[in-house]
C-alpha atoms as a PDB file:
ATOM      1  CA  UNK A   1      42.154   5.701  -1.238  1.00  0.00           C
ATOM      2  CA  UNK A   2      40.310   4.869   1.853  1.00  0.00           C
ATOM      3  CA  UNK A   3      38.251   8.102   1.831  1.00  0.00           C
ATOM      4  CA  UNK A   4      37.185   7.458  -1.752  1.00  0.00           C
ATOM      5  CA  UNK A   5      36.157   3.962  -1.004  1.00  0.00           C
ATOM      6  CA  UNK A   6      34.043   5.251   1.855  1.00  0.00           C
ATOM      7  CA  UNK A   7      32.433   8.036  -0.105  1.00  0.00           C
ATOM      8  CA  UNK A   8      31.610   5.419  -3.078  1.00  0.00           C
ATOM      9  CA  UNK A   9      29.955   3.169  -0.513  1.00  0.00           C
ATOM     10  CA  UNK A  10      27.994   5.820   1.014  1.00  0.00           C
ATOM     11  CA  UNK A  11      26.863   7.346  -2.240  1.00  0.00           C
ATOM     12  CA  UNK A  12      25.650   3.694  -3.469  1.00  0.00           C
ATOM     13  CA  UNK A  13      23.775   3.070  -0.499  1.00  0.00           C
ATOM     14  CA  UNK A  14      21.851   6.550  -0.901  1.00  0.00           C
ATOM     15  CA  UNK A  15      21.484   6.004  -4.325  1.00  0.00           C
ATOM     16  CA  UNK A  16      19.968   2.531  -3.604  1.00  0.00           C
ATOM     17  CA  UNK A  17      17.871   3.392  -1.059  1.00  0.00           C
ATOM     18  CA  UNK A  18      16.266   6.372  -2.933  1.00  0.00           C
ATOM     19  CA  UNK A  19      15.655   4.106  -5.798  1.00  0.00           C
ATOM     20  CA  UNK A  20      13.508   1.503  -3.908  1.00  0.00           C
ATOM     21  CA  UNK A  21      10.000   1.766  -4.425  1.00  0.00           C
ATOM     22  CA  UNK A  22       9.928   4.856  -6.445  1.00  0.00           C
ATOM     23  CA  UNK A  23       6.923   4.142  -8.289  1.00  0.00           C
ATOM     24  CA  UNK A  24       4.806   3.951  -5.317  1.00  0.00           C
ATOM     25  CA  UNK A  25       1.682   6.243  -5.498  1.00  0.00           C
ATOM     26  CA  UNK A  26       1.220   6.038  -1.638  1.00  0.00           C
ATOM     27  CA  UNK A  27       2.535   9.668  -1.262  1.00  0.00           C
ATOM     28  CA  UNK A  28      -0.572  10.921  -3.104  1.00  0.00           C
ATOM     29  CA  UNK A  29      -2.964   9.848  -0.446  1.00  0.00           C
ATOM     30  CA  UNK A  30      -3.782  12.302   2.253  1.00  0.00           C
ATOM     31  CA  UNK A  31      -4.456  11.166   5.688  1.00  0.00           C
ATOM     32  CA  UNK A  32      -8.017  12.002   5.310  1.00  0.00           C
ATOM     33  CA  UNK A  33      -8.370   9.815   1.916  1.00  0.00           C
ATOM     34  CA  UNK A  34      -6.593   6.917   3.675  1.00  0.00           C
ATOM     35  CA  UNK A  35      -9.236   7.286   6.798  1.00  0.00           C
ATOM     36  CA  UNK A  36     -12.152   7.270   4.509  1.00  0.00           C
ATOM     37  CA  UNK A  37     -10.918   4.223   2.393  1.00  0.00           C
ATOM     38  CA  UNK A  38     -10.300   2.470   5.506  1.00  0.00           C
ATOM     39  CA  UNK A  39     -13.745   3.097   6.865  1.00  0.00           C
ATOM     40  CA  UNK A  40     -15.501   2.007   3.705  1.00  0.00           C
ATOM     41  CA  UNK A  41     -13.432  -1.088   3.733  1.00  0.00           C
ATOM     42  CA  UNK A  42     -14.174  -1.763   7.419  1.00  0.00           C
ATOM     43  CA  UNK A  43     -18.095  -1.161   6.761  1.00  0.00           C
ATOM     44  CA  UNK A  44     -18.190  -3.631   3.756  1.00  0.00           C
ATOM     45  CA  UNK A  45     -16.059  -6.165   5.832  1.00  0.00           C
ATOM     46  CA  UNK A  46     -18.378  -6.078   8.903  1.00  0.00           C
ATOM     47  CA  UNK A  47     -21.441  -5.984   6.785  1.00  0.00           C
ATOM     48  CA  UNK A  48     -20.362  -9.171   5.338  1.00  0.00           C
ATOM     49  CA  UNK A  49     -19.663 -10.958   8.783  1.00  0.00           C
ATOM     50  CA  UNK A  50     -15.708 -10.602   9.130  1.00  0.00           C
ATOM     51  CA  UNK A  51     -14.430 -10.315  12.425  1.00  0.00           C
ATOM     52  CA  UNK A  52     -13.314  -6.835  13.492  1.00  0.00           C
ATOM     53  CA  UNK A  53      -9.703  -7.880  14.096  1.00  0.00           C
ATOM     54  CA  UNK A  54      -9.327  -9.856  10.553  1.00  0.00           C
ATOM     55  CA  UNK A  55     -11.176  -6.930   8.986  1.00  0.00           C
ATOM     56  CA  UNK A  56      -8.711  -4.373  10.079  1.00  0.00           C
ATOM     57  CA  UNK A  57      -5.675  -6.460   9.092  1.00  0.00           C
ATOM     58  CA  UNK A  58      -7.249  -7.060   5.900  1.00  0.00           C
ATOM     59  CA  UNK A  59      -8.071  -3.422   5.184  1.00  0.00           C
ATOM     60  CA  UNK A  60      -4.606  -2.239   6.310  1.00  0.00           C
ATOM     61  CA  UNK A  61      -3.199  -4.652   3.756  1.00  0.00           C
ATOM     62  CA  UNK A  62      -5.693  -3.766   1.136  1.00  0.00           C
ATOM     63  CA  UNK A  63      -4.829   0.025   1.650  1.00  0.00           C
ATOM     64  CA  UNK A  64      -1.262  -0.627   1.271  1.00  0.00           C
ATOM     65  CA  UNK A  65      -1.412  -2.578  -1.869  1.00  0.00           C
ATOM     66  CA  UNK A  66      -4.068   0.021  -3.542  1.00  0.00           C
ATOM     67  CA  UNK A  67      -2.323   2.938  -2.260  1.00  0.00           C
ATOM     68  CA  UNK A  68       1.114   1.822  -3.519  1.00  0.00           C
ATOM     69  CA  UNK A  69      -0.395   1.054  -7.128  1.00  0.00           C
ATOM     70  CA  UNK A  70      -3.023   3.809  -7.603  1.00  0.00           C
ATOM     71  CA  UNK A  71      -3.877   7.320  -6.666  1.00  0.00           C
ATOM     72  CA  UNK A  72      -6.901   8.107  -4.822  1.00  0.00           C
ATOM     73  CA  UNK A  73      -8.566   9.109  -8.239  1.00  0.00           C
ATOM     74  CA  UNK A  74      -7.290   5.982  -9.929  1.00  0.00           C
ATOM     75  CA  UNK A  75      -8.580   3.617  -6.785  1.00  0.00           C
ATOM     76  CA  UNK A  76     -11.974   4.988  -7.243  1.00  0.00           C
ATOM     77  CA  UNK A  77     -12.317   3.309 -10.764  1.00  0.00           C
ATOM     78  CA  UNK A  78     -10.509   0.092 -10.184  1.00  0.00           C
ATOM     79  CA  UNK A  79     -12.171  -2.970 -11.901  1.00  0.00           C
ATOM     80  CA  UNK A  80     -13.419  -5.827  -9.881  1.00  0.00           C
ATOM     81  CA  UNK A  81     -10.576  -8.008 -11.286  1.00  0.00           C
ATOM     82  CA  UNK A  82      -7.900  -5.557 -10.253  1.00  0.00           C
ATOM     83  CA  UNK A  83      -9.464  -5.644  -6.902  1.00  0.00           C
ATOM     84  CA  UNK A  84      -9.320  -9.365  -6.773  1.00  0.00           C
ATOM     85  CA  UNK A  85      -5.529  -9.391  -7.601  1.00  0.00           C
ATOM     86  CA  UNK A  86      -5.011  -7.141  -4.533  1.00  0.00           C
ATOM     87  CA  UNK A  87      -7.088  -9.332  -2.511  1.00  0.00           C
ATOM     88  CA  UNK A  88      -4.922 -12.300  -3.480  1.00  0.00           C
ATOM     89  CA  UNK A  89      -1.788 -10.339  -2.641  1.00  0.00           C
ATOM     90  CA  UNK A  90      -3.119  -9.904   0.837  1.00  0.00           C
ATOM     91  CA  UNK A  91      -3.740 -13.757   0.943  1.00  0.00           C
ATOM     92  CA  UNK A  92      -6.505 -13.881   3.489  1.00  0.00           C
ATOM     93  CA  UNK A  93      -8.594 -16.694   3.748  1.00  0.00           C
ATOM     94  CA  UNK A  94     -11.454 -16.835   6.611  1.00  0.00           C
END
């Protein structure tokens, strides 16, 4: 009986862990696509007077939110409203 309980617990943990964040699209981004996205973000932020440290934190957050919800192709076409929602999720106020 103890073996059965241990097996069921282990199986439950594995199933739960594999179900978490299963709809994330972050695995569709290559390292090069991530770097290019963050580079564009950094350029935009620095051109608008945001300090580098804040820009890095913000771009990291925005990339995490964007790559979780969108493939690289989808991200190219997000609307200003969708981008504003991601901005609010990062909750940065300078």
